[in-house]
């Protein structure tokens, strides 16, 4: 089986690599909701996809939930999304440019 696989890769490996690379480049700006919440760079733009289940969306919109979770003075939606976007952005910037905290040292 290994020799058959090696033969296949020898014959088709470069084509597969090219196809995958072209597909990634062509679709880099697209987000798939099935991938969940994530961030991705496309050229010099950062895209952030935030995915919620129906229950999560309902809880974010629910005044009762906000009070129960201690967000009475600040809407939970703003607090939760703010922290999530800050984390996703920091990770994306670090992945693209390196850790900014290391540059300051």
PDB file of N, CA and C in Angstrom:
ATOM      1  N   UNK A   1       0.831  -1.198   0.000  1.00  0.00           N
ATOM      2  CA  UNK A   1       0.000   0.000   0.000  1.00  0.00           C
ATOM      3  C   UNK A   1       0.870   1.256   0.000  1.00  0.00           C
ATOM      4  N   UNK A   2       1.977   1.242   0.772  1.00  0.00           N
ATOM      5  CA  UNK A   2       2.855   2.408   0.822  1.00  0.00           C
ATOM      6  C   UNK A   2       3.457   2.716  -0.542  1.00  0.00           C
ATOM      7  N   UNK A   3       3.846   1.698  -1.252  1.00  0.00           N
ATOM      8  CA  UNK A   3       4.454   1.937  -2.565  1.00  0.00           C
ATOM      9  C   UNK A   3       3.425   2.501  -3.551  1.00  0.00           C
ATOM     10  N   UNK A   4       2.173   2.040  -3.446  1.00  0.00           N
ATOM     11  CA  UNK A   4       1.119   2.579  -4.313  1.00  0.00           C
ATOM     12  C   UNK A   4       0.884   4.052  -3.996  1.00  0.00           C
ATOM     13  N   UNK A   5       0.890   4.389  -2.717  1.00  0.00           N
ATOM     14  CA  UNK A   5       0.692   5.780  -2.296  1.00  0.00           C
ATOM     15  C   UNK A   5       1.854   6.644  -2.785  1.00  0.00           C
ATOM     16  N   UNK A   6       3.062   6.134  -2.631  1.00  0.00           N
ATOM     17  CA  UNK A   6       4.242   6.863  -3.098  1.00  0.00           C
ATOM     18  C   UNK A   6       4.179   7.110  -4.607  1.00  0.00           C
ATOM     19  N   UNK A   7       3.758   6.110  -5.344  1.00  0.00           N
ATOM     20  CA  UNK A   7       3.618   6.258  -6.800  1.00  0.00           C
ATOM     21  C   UNK A   7       2.566   7.316  -7.135  1.00  0.00           C
ATOM     22  N   UNK A   8       1.442   7.246  -6.425  1.00  0.00           N
ATOM     23  CA  UNK A   8       0.370   8.213  -6.655  1.00  0.00           C
ATOM     24  C   UNK A   8       0.878   9.631  -6.398  1.00  0.00           C
ATOM     25  N   UNK A   9       1.559   9.827  -5.257  1.00  0.00           N
ATOM     26  CA  UNK A   9       2.074  11.160  -4.932  1.00  0.00           C
ATOM     27  C   UNK A   9       3.121  11.620  -5.940  1.00  0.00           C
ATOM     28  N   UNK A  10       3.961  10.697  -6.381  1.00  0.00           N
ATOM     29  CA  UNK A  10       4.977  11.052  -7.370  1.00  0.00           C
ATOM     30  C   UNK A  10       4.323  11.555  -8.657  1.00  0.00           C
ATOM     31  N   UNK A  11       3.212  10.932  -9.018  1.00  0.00           N
ATOM     32  CA  UNK A  11       2.539  11.295 -10.267  1.00  0.00           C
ATOM     33  C   UNK A  11       1.622  12.507 -10.120  1.00  0.00           C
ATOM     34  N   UNK A  12       0.933  12.616  -8.970  1.00  0.00           N
ATOM     35  CA  UNK A  12      -0.108  13.636  -8.826  1.00  0.00           C
ATOM     36  C   UNK A  12       0.141  14.647  -7.703  1.00  0.00           C
ATOM     37  N   UNK A  13       1.162  14.446  -6.910  1.00  0.00           N
ATOM     38  CA  UNK A  13       1.399  15.295  -5.736  1.00  0.00           C
ATOM     39  C   UNK A  13       1.508  16.775  -6.058  1.00  0.00           C
ATOM     40  N   UNK A  14       2.273  17.122  -7.094  1.00  0.00           N
ATOM     41  CA  UNK A  14       2.426  18.534  -7.450  1.00  0.00           C
ATOM     42  C   UNK A  14       1.102  19.146  -7.896  1.00  0.00           C
ATOM     43  N   UNK A  15       0.316  18.390  -8.652  1.00  0.00           N
ATOM     44  CA  UNK A  15      -0.995  18.893  -9.096  1.00  0.00           C
ATOM     45  C   UNK A  15      -1.914  19.136  -7.898  1.00  0.00           C
ATOM     46  N   UNK A  16      -1.894  18.206  -6.953  1.00  0.00           N
ATOM     47  CA  UNK A  16      -2.742  18.352  -5.760  1.00  0.00           C
ATOM     48  C   UNK A  16      -2.311  19.579  -4.967  1.00  0.00           C
ATOM     49  N   UNK A  17      -1.012  19.729  -4.773  1.00  0.00           N
ATOM     50  CA  UNK A  17      -0.488  20.884  -4.035  1.00  0.00           C
ATOM     51  C   UNK A  17      -0.888  22.186  -4.709  1.00  0.00           C
ATOM     52  N   UNK A  18      -0.751  22.255  -6.015  1.00  0.00           N
ATOM     53  CA  UNK A  18      -1.123  23.458  -6.765  1.00  0.00           C
ATOM     54  C   UNK A  18      -2.614  23.744  -6.636  1.00  0.00           C
ATOM     55  N   UNK A  19      -3.434  22.716  -6.768  1.00  0.00           N
ATOM     56  CA  UNK A  19      -4.888  22.887  -6.657  1.00  0.00           C
ATOM     57  C   UNK A  19      -5.278  23.398  -5.279  1.00  0.00           C
ATOM     58  N   UNK A  20      -4.707  22.817  -4.239  1.00  0.00           N
ATOM     59  CA  UNK A  20      -5.025  23.238  -2.867  1.00  0.00           C
ATOM     60  C   UNK A  20      -4.564  24.675  -2.643  1.00  0.00           C
ATOM     61  N   UNK A  21      -3.340  25.001  -3.057  1.00  0.00           N
ATOM     62  CA  UNK A  21      -2.813  26.357  -2.882  1.00  0.00           C
ATOM     63  C   UNK A  21      -3.694  27.371  -3.617  1.00  0.00           C
ATOM     64  N   UNK A  22      -4.079  27.075  -4.853  1.00  0.00           N
ATOM     65  CA  UNK A  22      -4.942  27.980  -5.615  1.00  0.00           C
ATOM     66  C   UNK A  22      -6.309  28.139  -4.962  1.00  0.00           C
ATOM     67  N   UNK A  23      -6.839  27.045  -4.437  1.00  0.00           N
ATOM     68  CA  UNK A  23      -8.137  27.095  -3.766  1.00  0.00           C
ATOM     69  C   UNK A  23      -8.067  27.965  -2.512  1.00  0.00           C
ATOM     70  N   UNK A  24      -6.999  27.788  -1.716  1.00  0.00           N
ATOM     71  CA  UNK A  24      -6.835  28.618  -0.517  1.00  0.00           C
ATOM     72  C   UNK A  24      -6.724  30.094  -0.898  1.00  0.00           C
ATOM     73  N   UNK A  25      -5.933  30.392  -1.908  1.00  0.00           N
ATOM     74  CA  UNK A  25      -5.765  31.788  -2.332  1.00  0.00           C
ATOM     75  C   UNK A  25      -7.074  32.371  -2.842  1.00  0.00           C
ATOM     76  N   UNK A  26      -7.780  31.600  -3.648  1.00  0.00           N
ATOM     77  CA  UNK A  26      -9.041  32.061  -4.243  1.00  0.00           C
ATOM     78  C   UNK A  26     -10.112  32.290  -3.178  1.00  0.00           C
ATOM     79  N   UNK A  27     -10.117  31.463  -2.140  1.00  0.00           N
ATOM     80  CA  UNK A  27     -11.186  31.513  -1.137  1.00  0.00           C
ATOM     81  C   UNK A  27     -10.746  32.085   0.199  1.00  0.00           C
ATOM     82  N   UNK A  28      -9.574  32.694   0.271  1.00  0.00           N
ATOM     83  CA  UNK A  28      -9.062  33.195   1.547  1.00  0.00           C
ATOM     84  C   UNK A  28      -9.988  34.220   2.188  1.00  0.00           C
ATOM     85  N   UNK A  29     -10.723  34.947   1.394  1.00  0.00           N
ATOM     86  CA  UNK A  29     -11.603  35.989   1.907  1.00  0.00           C
ATOM     87  C   UNK A  29     -12.965  35.441   2.360  1.00  0.00           C
ATOM     88  N   UNK A  30     -13.221  34.175   2.118  1.00  0.00           N
ATOM     89  CA  UNK A  30     -14.511  33.588   2.485  1.00  0.00           C
ATOM     90  C   UNK A  30     -14.443  32.970   3.879  1.00  0.00           C
ATOM     91  N   UNK A  31     -15.536  33.040   4.584  1.00  0.00           N
ATOM     92  CA  UNK A  31     -15.642  32.431   5.906  1.00  0.00           C
ATOM     93  C   UNK A  31     -16.693  31.343   5.858  1.00  0.00           C
ATOM     94  N   UNK A  32     -16.395  30.219   6.474  1.00  0.00           N
ATOM     95  CA  UNK A  32     -17.334  29.108   6.552  1.00  0.00           C
ATOM     96  C   UNK A  32     -17.860  29.035   7.974  1.00  0.00           C
ATOM     97  N   UNK A  33     -19.154  29.195   8.121  1.00  0.00           N
ATOM     98  CA  UNK A  33     -19.753  29.192   9.456  1.00  0.00           C
ATOM     99  C   UNK A  33     -19.493  27.877  10.185  1.00  0.00           C
ATOM    100  N   UNK A  34     -19.279  26.797   9.441  1.00  0.00           N
ATOM    101  CA  UNK A  34     -18.998  25.503  10.068  1.00  0.00           C
ATOM    102  C   UNK A  34     -17.630  25.466  10.729  1.00  0.00           C
ATOM    103  N   UNK A  35     -16.762  26.422  10.411  1.00  0.00           N
ATOM    104  CA  UNK A  35     -15.452  26.504  11.054  1.00  0.00           C
ATOM    105  C   UNK A  35     -15.541  27.114  12.445  1.00  0.00           C
ATOM    106  N   UNK A  36     -16.688  27.697  12.774  1.00  0.00           N
ATOM    107  CA  UNK A  36     -16.842  28.339  14.076  1.00  0.00           C
ATOM    108  C   UNK A  36     -16.250  29.738  14.080  1.00  0.00           C
ATOM    109  N   UNK A  37     -16.204  30.332  15.250  1.00  0.00           N
ATOM    110  CA  UNK A  37     -15.678  31.676  15.410  1.00  0.00           C
ATOM    111  C   UNK A  37     -14.188  31.683  15.118  1.00  0.00           C
ATOM    112  N   UNK A  38     -13.762  32.594  14.247  1.00  0.00           N
ATOM    113  CA  UNK A  38     -12.344  32.697  13.933  1.00  0.00           C
ATOM    114  C   UNK A  38     -12.058  34.004  13.213  1.00  0.00           C
ATOM    115  N   UNK A  39     -10.782  34.277  13.033  1.00  0.00           N
ATOM    116  CA  UNK A  39     -10.350  35.472  12.320  1.00  0.00           C
ATOM    117  C   UNK A  39      -9.395  35.052  11.216  1.00  0.00           C
ATOM    118  N   UNK A  40      -9.364  35.850  10.149  1.00  0.00           N
ATOM    119  CA  UNK A  40      -8.494  35.517   9.028  1.00  0.00           C
ATOM    120  C   UNK A  40      -8.083  36.789   8.302  1.00  0.00           C
ATOM    121  N   UNK A  41      -6.841  36.818   7.872  1.00  0.00           N
ATOM    122  CA  UNK A  41      -6.345  37.933   7.077  1.00  0.00           C
ATOM    123  C   UNK A  41      -6.570  37.654   5.605  1.00  0.00           C
ATOM    124  N   UNK A  42      -6.933  38.699   4.858  1.00  0.00           N
ATOM    125  CA  UNK A  42      -6.986  38.653   3.396  1.00  0.00           C
ATOM    126  C   UNK A  42      -6.389  39.970   2.932  1.00  0.00           C
ATOM    127  N   UNK A  43      -5.223  39.885   2.320  1.00  0.00           N
ATOM    128  CA  UNK A  43      -4.450  41.080   1.981  1.00  0.00           C
ATOM    129  C   UNK A  43      -4.216  41.858   3.271  1.00  0.00           C
ATOM    130  N   UNK A  44      -4.631  43.108   3.346  1.00  0.00           N
ATOM    131  CA  UNK A  44      -4.400  43.894   4.562  1.00  0.00           C
ATOM    132  C   UNK A  44      -5.673  44.084   5.380  1.00  0.00           C
ATOM    133  N   UNK A  45      -6.650  43.210   5.173  1.00  0.00           N
ATOM    134  CA  UNK A  45      -7.904  43.295   5.923  1.00  0.00           C
ATOM    135  C   UNK A  45      -8.069  42.083   6.827  1.00  0.00           C
ATOM    136  N   UNK A  46      -8.525  42.343   8.047  1.00  0.00           N
ATOM    137  CA  UNK A  46      -8.800  41.285   9.004  1.00  0.00           C
ATOM    138  C   UNK A  46     -10.305  41.066   9.057  1.00  0.00           C
ATOM    139  N   UNK A  47     -10.720  39.835   8.788  1.00  0.00           N
ATOM    140  CA  UNK A  47     -12.129  39.479   8.895  1.00  0.00           C
ATOM    141  C   UNK A  47     -12.331  38.624  10.137  1.00  0.00           C
ATOM    142  N   UNK A  48     -13.410  38.863  10.830  1.00  0.00           N
ATOM    143  CA  UNK A  48     -13.725  38.089  12.037  1.00  0.00           C
ATOM    144  C   UNK A  48     -15.131  37.544  11.891  1.00  0.00           C
ATOM    145  N   UNK A  49     -15.245  36.234  12.001  1.00  0.00           N
ATOM    146  CA  UNK A  49     -16.541  35.578  11.939  1.00  0.00           C
ATOM    147  C   UNK A  49     -16.906  35.123  13.347  1.00  0.00           C
ATOM    148  N   UNK A  50     -18.041  35.565  13.830  1.00  0.00           N
ATOM    149  CA  UNK A  50     -18.524  35.174  15.151  1.00  0.00           C
ATOM    150  C   UNK A  50     -19.754  34.310  14.944  1.00  0.00           C
ATOM    151  N   UNK A  51     -19.700  33.090  15.466  1.00  0.00           N
ATOM    152  CA  UNK A  51     -20.777  32.123  15.279  1.00  0.00           C
ATOM    153  C   UNK A  51     -21.445  31.849  16.632  1.00  0.00           C
ATOM    154  N   UNK A  52     -22.762  31.958  16.665  1.00  0.00           N
ATOM    155  CA  UNK A  52     -23.529  31.670  17.872  1.00  0.00           C
ATOM    156  C   UNK A  52     -24.518  30.552  17.602  1.00  0.00           C
ATOM    157  N   UNK A  53     -24.749  29.730  18.618  1.00  0.00           N
ATOM    158  CA  UNK A  53     -25.863  28.797  18.540  1.00  0.00           C
ATOM    159  C   UNK A  53     -27.133  29.602  18.796  1.00  0.00           C
ATOM    160  N   UNK A  54     -28.264  29.008  18.525  1.00  0.00           N
ATOM    161  CA  UNK A  54     -29.532  29.704  18.773  1.00  0.00           C
ATOM    162  C   UNK A  54     -29.662  30.067  20.251  1.00  0.00           C
ATOM    163  N   UNK A  55     -29.281  29.146  21.134  1.00  0.00           N
ATOM    164  CA  UNK A  55     -29.360  29.409  22.575  1.00  0.00           C
ATOM    165  C   UNK A  55     -28.439  30.555  22.988  1.00  0.00           C
ATOM    166  N   UNK A  56     -27.213  30.564  22.448  1.00  0.00           N
ATOM    167  CA  UNK A  56     -26.282  31.645  22.790  1.00  0.00           C
ATOM    168  C   UNK A  56     -26.826  32.998  22.344  1.00  0.00           C
ATOM    169  N   UNK A  57     -27.376  33.060  21.150  1.00  0.00           N
ATOM    170  CA  UNK A  57     -27.941  34.316  20.650  1.00  0.00           C
ATOM    171  C   UNK A  57     -29.114  34.757  21.520  1.00  0.00           C
ATOM    172  N   UNK A  58     -29.935  33.816  21.900  1.00  0.00           N
ATOM    173  CA  UNK A  58     -31.084  34.142  22.748  1.00  0.00           C
ATOM    174  C   UNK A  58     -30.625  34.647  24.113  1.00  0.00           C
ATOM    175  N   UNK A  59     -29.615  33.991  24.671  1.00  0.00           N
ATOM    176  CA  UNK A  59     -29.110  34.419  25.980  1.00  0.00           C
ATOM    177  C   UNK A  59     -28.474  35.805  25.915  1.00  0.00           C
ATOM    178  N   UNK A  60     -27.763  36.099  24.845  1.00  0.00           N
ATOM    179  CA  UNK A  60     -27.158  37.420  24.715  1.00  0.00           C
ATOM    180  C   UNK A  60     -28.207  38.520  24.652  1.00  0.00           C
ATOM    181  N   UNK A  61     -29.340  38.202  24.081  1.00  0.00           N
ATOM    182  CA  UNK A  61     -30.401  39.187  23.934  1.00  0.00           C
ATOM    183  C   UNK A  61     -31.317  39.252  25.148  1.00  0.00           C
ATOM    184  N   UNK A  62     -31.171  38.326  26.073  1.00  0.00           N
ATOM    185  CA  UNK A  62     -32.092  38.202  27.197  1.00  0.00           C
ATOM    186  C   UNK A  62     -31.669  39.077  28.382  1.00  0.00           C
ATOM    187  N   UNK A  63     -32.545  39.977  28.796  1.00  0.00           N
ATOM    188  CA  UNK A  63     -32.296  40.824  29.966  1.00  0.00           C
ATOM    189  C   UNK A  63     -32.149  39.972  31.218  1.00  0.00           C
ATOM    190  N   UNK A  64     -32.969  38.936  31.343  1.00  0.00           N
ATOM    191  CA  UNK A  64     -32.894  38.044  32.507  1.00  0.00           C
ATOM    192  C   UNK A  64     -31.511  37.405  32.599  1.00  0.00           C
ATOM    193  N   UNK A  65     -30.986  36.947  31.470  1.00  0.00           N
ATOM    194  CA  UNK A  65     -29.662  36.326  31.465  1.00  0.00           C
ATOM    195  C   UNK A  65     -28.584  37.340  31.836  1.00  0.00           C
ATOM    196  N   UNK A  66     -28.672  38.550  31.283  1.00  0.00           N
ATOM    197  CA  UNK A  66     -27.681  39.586  31.595  1.00  0.00           C
ATOM    198  C   UNK A  66     -27.652  39.871  33.086  1.00  0.00           C
ATOM    199  N   UNK A  67     -28.827  39.988  33.715  1.00  0.00           N
ATOM    200  CA  UNK A  67     -28.882  40.243  35.154  1.00  0.00           C
ATOM    201  C   UNK A  67     -28.309  39.068  35.943  1.00  0.00           C
ATOM    202  N   UNK A  68     -28.665  37.849  35.557  1.00  0.00           N
ATOM    203  CA  UNK A  68     -28.184  36.641  36.233  1.00  0.00           C
ATOM    204  C   UNK A  68     -26.660  36.527  36.149  1.00  0.00           C
ATOM    205  N   UNK A  69     -26.093  36.908  35.021  1.00  0.00           N
ATOM    206  CA  UNK A  69     -24.650  36.799  34.812  1.00  0.00           C
ATOM    207  C   UNK A  69     -23.871  38.012  35.335  1.00  0.00           C
ATOM    208  N   UNK A  70     -24.568  38.992  35.896  1.00  0.00           N
ATOM    209  CA  UNK A  70     -23.895  40.138  36.495  1.00  0.00           C
ATOM    210  C   UNK A  70     -23.580  41.270  35.544  1.00  0.00           C
ATOM    211  N   UNK A  71     -24.271  41.349  34.446  1.00  0.00           N
ATOM    212  CA  UNK A  71     -24.042  42.422  33.489  1.00  0.00           C
ATOM    213  C   UNK A  71     -25.162  43.456  33.554  1.00  0.00           C
ATOM    214  N   UNK A  72     -25.661  43.720  34.752  1.00  0.00           N
ATOM    215  CA  UNK A  72     -26.797  44.618  34.888  1.00  0.00           C
ATOM    216  C   UNK A  72     -26.461  46.035  34.440  1.00  0.00           C
ATOM    217  N   UNK A  73     -25.233  46.495  34.717  1.00  0.00           N
ATOM    218  CA  UNK A  73     -24.896  47.866  34.366  1.00  0.00           C
ATOM    219  C   UNK A  73     -24.259  47.982  32.980  1.00  0.00           C
ATOM    220  N   UNK A  74     -23.883  46.861  32.393  1.00  0.00           N
ATOM    221  CA  UNK A  74     -23.286  46.879  31.057  1.00  0.00           C
ATOM    222  C   UNK A  74     -23.907  45.760  30.251  1.00  0.00           C
ATOM    223  N   UNK A  75     -24.417  46.054  29.086  1.00  0.00           N
ATOM    224  CA  UNK A  75     -25.032  44.982  28.295  1.00  0.00           C
ATOM    225  C   UNK A  75     -24.056  43.840  28.030  1.00  0.00           C
ATOM    226  N   UNK A  76     -24.512  42.635  28.252  1.00  0.00           N
ATOM    227  CA  UNK A  76     -23.667  41.452  28.071  1.00  0.00           C
ATOM    228  C   UNK A  76     -23.141  41.356  26.650  1.00  0.00           C
ATOM    229  N   UNK A  77     -23.973  41.735  25.714  1.00  0.00           N
ATOM    230  CA  UNK A  77     -23.581  41.636  24.314  1.00  0.00           C
ATOM    231  C   UNK A  77     -22.306  42.434  24.061  1.00  0.00           C
ATOM    232  N   UNK A  78     -22.277  43.651  24.537  1.00  0.00           N
ATOM    233  CA  UNK A  78     -21.120  44.512  24.331  1.00  0.00           C
ATOM    234  C   UNK A  78     -19.892  43.973  25.065  1.00  0.00           C
ATOM    235  N   UNK A  79     -20.075  43.538  26.285  1.00  0.00           N
ATOM    236  CA  UNK A  79     -18.965  42.991  27.081  1.00  0.00           C
ATOM    237  C   UNK A  79     -18.400  41.720  26.454  1.00  0.00           C
ATOM    238  N   UNK A  80     -19.276  40.797  26.147  1.00  0.00           N
ATOM    239  CA  UNK A  80     -18.861  39.512  25.589  1.00  0.00           C
ATOM    240  C   UNK A  80     -18.187  39.682  24.231  1.00  0.00           C
ATOM    241  N   UNK A  81     -18.844  40.403  23.338  1.00  0.00           N
ATOM    242  CA  UNK A  81     -18.278  40.606  22.003  1.00  0.00           C
ATOM    243  C   UNK A  81     -16.998  41.423  22.054  1.00  0.00           C
ATOM    244  N   UNK A  82     -16.954  42.396  22.921  1.00  0.00           N
ATOM    245  CA  UNK A  82     -15.752  43.211  23.054  1.00  0.00           C
ATOM    246  C   UNK A  82     -14.549  42.372  23.433  1.00  0.00           C
ATOM    247  N   UNK A  83     -14.722  41.509  24.419  1.00  0.00           N
ATOM    248  CA  UNK A  83     -13.621  40.641  24.845  1.00  0.00           C
ATOM    249  C   UNK A  83     -13.250  39.636  23.753  1.00  0.00           C
ATOM    250  N   UNK A  84     -14.255  39.070  23.098  1.00  0.00           N
ATOM    251  CA  UNK A  84     -13.988  38.096  22.044  1.00  0.00           C
ATOM    252  C   UNK A  84     -13.258  38.743  20.871  1.00  0.00           C
ATOM    253  N   UNK A  85     -13.720  39.908  20.440  1.00  0.00           N
ATOM    254  CA  UNK A  85     -13.083  40.586  19.315  1.00  0.00           C
ATOM    255  C   UNK A  85     -11.662  41.031  19.672  1.00  0.00           C
ATOM    256  N   UNK A  86     -11.474  41.470  20.893  1.00  0.00           N
ATOM    257  CA  UNK A  86     -10.133  41.862  21.330  1.00  0.00           C
ATOM    258  C   UNK A  86      -9.183  40.665  21.278  1.00  0.00           C
ATOM    259  N   UNK A  87      -9.636  39.518  21.769  1.00  0.00           N
ATOM    260  CA  UNK A  87      -8.808  38.318  21.761  1.00  0.00           C
ATOM    261  C   UNK A  87      -8.521  37.844  20.338  1.00  0.00           C
ATOM    262  N   UNK A  88      -9.555  37.770  19.497  1.00  0.00           N
ATOM    263  CA  UNK A  88      -9.363  37.333  18.111  1.00  0.00           C
ATOM    264  C   UNK A  88      -8.427  38.275  17.355  1.00  0.00           C
ATOM    265  N   UNK A  89      -8.588  39.566  17.562  1.00  0.00           N
ATOM    266  CA  UNK A  89      -7.741  40.542  16.878  1.00  0.00           C
ATOM    267  C   UNK A  89      -6.297  40.419  17.343  1.00  0.00           C
ATOM    268  N   UNK A  90      -6.088  40.295  18.649  1.00  0.00           N
ATOM    269  CA  UNK A  90      -4.727  40.156  19.172  1.00  0.00           C
ATOM    270  C   UNK A  90      -4.052  38.911  18.617  1.00  0.00           C
ATOM    271  N   UNK A  91      -4.782  37.811  18.564  1.00  0.00           N
ATOM    272  CA  UNK A  91      -4.211  36.574  18.014  1.00  0.00           C
ATOM    273  C   UNK A  91      -3.892  36.720  16.532  1.00  0.00           C
ATOM    274  N   UNK A  92      -4.782  37.376  15.786  1.00  0.00           N
ATOM    275  CA  UNK A  92      -4.560  37.548  14.347  1.00  0.00           C
ATOM    276  C   UNK A  92      -3.370  38.458  14.081  1.00  0.00           C
ATOM    277  N   UNK A  93      -3.253  39.543  14.838  1.00  0.00           N
ATOM    278  CA  UNK A  93      -2.126  40.459  14.670  1.00  0.00           C
ATOM    279  C   UNK A  93      -0.828  39.742  15.020  1.00  0.00           C
ATOM    280  N   UNK A  94      -0.843  38.977  16.108  1.00  0.00           N
ATOM    281  CA  UNK A  94       0.358  38.239  16.502  1.00  0.00           C
ATOM    282  C   UNK A  94       0.750  37.219  15.441  1.00  0.00           C
ATOM    283  N   UNK A  95      -0.236  36.543  14.852  1.00  0.00           N
ATOM    284  CA  UNK A  95       0.080  35.540  13.839  1.00  0.00           C
ATOM    285  C   UNK A  95       0.638  36.172  12.572  1.00  0.00           C
ATOM    286  N   UNK A  96       0.245  37.403  12.307  1.00  0.00           N
ATOM    287  CA  UNK A  96       0.709  38.063  11.084  1.00  0.00           C
ATOM    288  C   UNK A  96       2.004  38.845  11.285  1.00  0.00           C
ATOM    289  N   UNK A  97       2.127  39.505  12.424  1.00  0.00           N
ATOM    290  CA  UNK A  97       3.257  40.410  12.625  1.00  0.00           C
ATOM    291  C   UNK A  97       4.175  40.003  13.782  1.00  0.00           C
ATOM    292  N   UNK A  98       3.830  38.959  14.504  1.00  0.00           N
ATOM    293  CA  UNK A  98       4.601  38.590  15.690  1.00  0.00           C
ATOM    294  C   UNK A  98       4.007  39.258  16.916  1.00  0.00           C
ATOM    295  N   UNK A  99       4.485  38.866  18.066  1.00  0.00           N
ATOM    296  CA  UNK A  99       3.967  39.383  19.336  1.00  0.00           C
ATOM    297  C   UNK A  99       4.431  40.825  19.525  1.00  0.00           C
ATOM    298  N   UNK A 100       3.500  41.813  19.578  1.00  0.00           N
ATOM    299  CA  UNK A 100       3.896  43.212  19.729  1.00  0.00           C
ATOM    300  C   UNK A 100       4.581  43.483  21.069  1.00  0.00           C
ATOM    301  N   UNK A 101       4.295  42.685  22.089  1.00  0.00           N
ATOM    302  CA  UNK A 101       4.920  42.868  23.390  1.00  0.00           C
ATOM    303  C   UNK A 101       6.410  42.529  23.337  1.00  0.00           C
ATOM    304  N   UNK A 102       6.793  41.588  22.485  1.00  0.00           N
ATOM    305  CA  UNK A 102       8.205  41.221  22.348  1.00  0.00           C
ATOM    306  C   UNK A 102       8.993  42.332  21.680  1.00  0.00           C
ATOM    307  N   UNK A 103       8.343  43.087  20.776  1.00  0.00           N
ATOM    308  CA  UNK A 103       9.022  44.164  20.051  1.00  0.00           C
ATOM    309  C   UNK A 103       9.352  45.323  20.982  1.00  0.00           C
ATOM    310  N   UNK A 104       8.542  45.524  22.043  1.00  0.00           N
ATOM    311  CA  UNK A 104       8.754  46.636  22.964  1.00  0.00           C
ATOM    312  C   UNK A 104       9.916  46.390  23.907  1.00  0.00           C
ATOM    313  N   UNK A 105      10.279  45.141  24.124  1.00  0.00           N
ATOM    314  CA  UNK A 105      11.331  44.808  25.091  1.00  0.00           C
ATOM    315  C   UNK A 105      12.704  45.117  24.575  1.00  0.00           C
TER     316      UNK A 105
END
